[in-house]
Amino acid sequence: MLVTFSCKSYSNIIMFHDIALHMLKMMGHSSAIPGAILADDVPAALENLKHALENDSDLPEIESFEDDEDVMEHAVSLKNRALPLIELLTAASRDKCNVMWDAQ
């Protein structure tokens, strides 16, 4: 399943369900889908996400793919997966927009 994040100030962001749920928790929100963050709460959610990403101990353990070099070569870190969402939250914070998410 996929989750789409949206706001009026930025293009929609689509993430895999498990990654989206983890990002929501890192932002300090419930993993309820659909959901929303009011414009006044977006800056705090953005800061929570950035802080969690900076603190490596908060990141989930990644399965070991040492036996499969092709998989390791194409693995994307959680920090990189969060970049589009950080940009969406930054735009929403700047323009004082609500952020919503829903399953596809």
Protein backbone atom coordinates (compact mmCIF):
# COMPACT_ATOMS: atom_id res chain seq x y z
CA MET A 1 0.00 0.00 0.00
CA LEU A 2 1.10 3.59 -0.67
CA VAL A 3 0.52 6.79 1.29
CA THR A 4 0.26 10.22 -0.36
CA PHE A 5 1.22 13.37 1.55
CA SER A 6 -0.17 16.62 0.18
CA CYS A 7 -0.44 20.35 0.79
CA LYS A 8 -1.36 23.34 -1.38
CA SER A 9 2.24 24.61 -1.53
CA TYR A 10 4.05 21.54 -2.82
CA SER A 11 3.70 18.54 -5.11
CA ASN A 12 2.26 15.36 -3.63
CA ILE A 13 4.73 12.95 -2.03
CA ILE A 14 4.08 9.20 -2.29
CA MET A 15 5.72 6.75 0.12
CA PHE A 16 5.45 3.10 0.92
CA HIS A 17 3.05 2.50 3.80
CA ASP A 18 5.61 1.28 6.35
CA ILE A 19 8.00 4.17 5.67
CA ALA A 20 5.15 6.71 5.83
CA LEU A 21 3.98 5.34 9.19
CA HIS A 22 7.49 5.59 10.57
CA MET A 23 7.83 9.19 9.31
CA LEU A 24 4.51 10.09 10.95
CA LYS A 25 5.70 8.68 14.27
CA MET A 26 8.97 10.57 13.92
CA MET A 27 6.93 13.77 13.41
CA GLY A 28 5.11 13.07 16.66
CA HIS A 29 1.77 12.13 15.09
CA SER A 30 -0.35 9.03 15.21
CA SER A 31 -0.13 6.56 12.40
CA ALA A 32 -3.80 7.02 11.54
CA ILE A 33 -4.51 7.09 7.82
CA PRO A 34 -6.05 9.33 6.61
CA GLY A 35 -4.79 12.19 8.73
CA ALA A 36 -3.72 15.81 8.76
CA ILE A 37 -1.49 18.34 10.46
CA LEU A 38 -2.95 21.80 10.93
CA ALA A 39 -0.87 24.66 9.56
CA ASP A 40 0.01 25.89 13.07
CA ASP A 41 1.43 22.47 13.97
CA VAL A 42 3.51 21.94 10.81
CA PRO A 43 6.69 23.70 12.08
CA ALA A 44 6.80 21.46 15.16
CA ALA A 45 6.26 18.33 13.06
CA LEU A 46 9.09 19.41 10.76
CA GLU A 47 11.46 19.99 13.67
CA ASN A 48 10.50 16.64 15.24
CA LEU A 49 11.25 14.84 11.98
CA LYS A 50 14.60 16.59 11.50
CA HIS A 51 15.59 15.91 15.10
CA ALA A 52 14.70 12.22 14.85
CA LEU A 53 16.68 11.88 11.61
CA GLU A 54 19.74 13.55 13.17
CA ASN A 55 19.64 11.18 16.12
CA ASP A 56 20.78 7.88 14.61
CA SER A 57 19.63 5.94 17.66
CA ASP A 58 16.01 6.76 16.74
CA LEU A 59 16.31 5.17 13.30
CA PRO A 60 15.04 1.60 12.88
CA GLU A 61 17.44 -1.24 12.39
CA ILE A 62 17.99 -2.05 8.73
CA GLU A 63 18.02 -5.68 7.75
CA SER A 64 21.40 -7.00 6.79
CA PHE A 65 21.79 -7.47 3.05
CA GLU A 66 25.48 -8.32 3.19
CA ASP A 67 24.94 -11.48 1.15
CA ASP A 68 23.24 -9.63 -1.69
CA GLU A 69 25.45 -6.90 -3.14
CA ASP A 70 22.79 -5.82 -5.66
CA VAL A 71 20.30 -5.05 -2.88
CA MET A 72 22.90 -3.18 -0.81
CA GLU A 73 23.90 -1.16 -3.84
CA HIS A 74 20.31 0.07 -4.31
CA ALA A 75 19.36 0.54 -0.64
CA VAL A 76 18.02 4.01 0.19
CA SER A 77 18.59 5.39 3.67
CA LEU A 78 15.72 6.65 5.78
CA LYS A 79 17.32 10.11 5.77
CA ASN A 80 17.20 10.20 1.97
CA ARG A 81 13.63 8.89 1.89
CA ALA A 82 12.62 11.73 4.21
CA LEU A 83 14.00 14.54 2.02
CA PRO A 84 10.88 15.03 -0.15
CA LEU A 85 8.68 15.04 2.96
CA ILE A 86 10.98 17.57 4.63
CA GLU A 87 10.66 19.79 1.55
CA LEU A 88 6.85 19.45 1.61
CA LEU A 89 6.73 20.32 5.32
CA THR A 90 9.08 23.27 4.78
CA ALA A 91 6.84 24.64 2.02
CA ALA A 92 3.72 24.09 4.12
CA SER A 93 5.33 25.83 7.09
CA ARG A 94 6.44 28.77 4.94
CA ASP A 95 3.01 29.21 3.35
CA LYS A 96 1.02 28.24 6.46
CA CYS A 97 -0.77 25.30 4.83
CA ASN A 98 -2.31 22.19 6.31
CA VAL A 99 -0.62 18.87 5.44
CA MET A 100 -2.79 15.84 4.74
CA TRP A 101 -2.11 12.19 3.99
CA ASP A 102 -4.22 9.34 2.72
CA ALA A 103 -3.78 5.78 1.46
CA GLN A 104 -3.86 4.92 -2.23
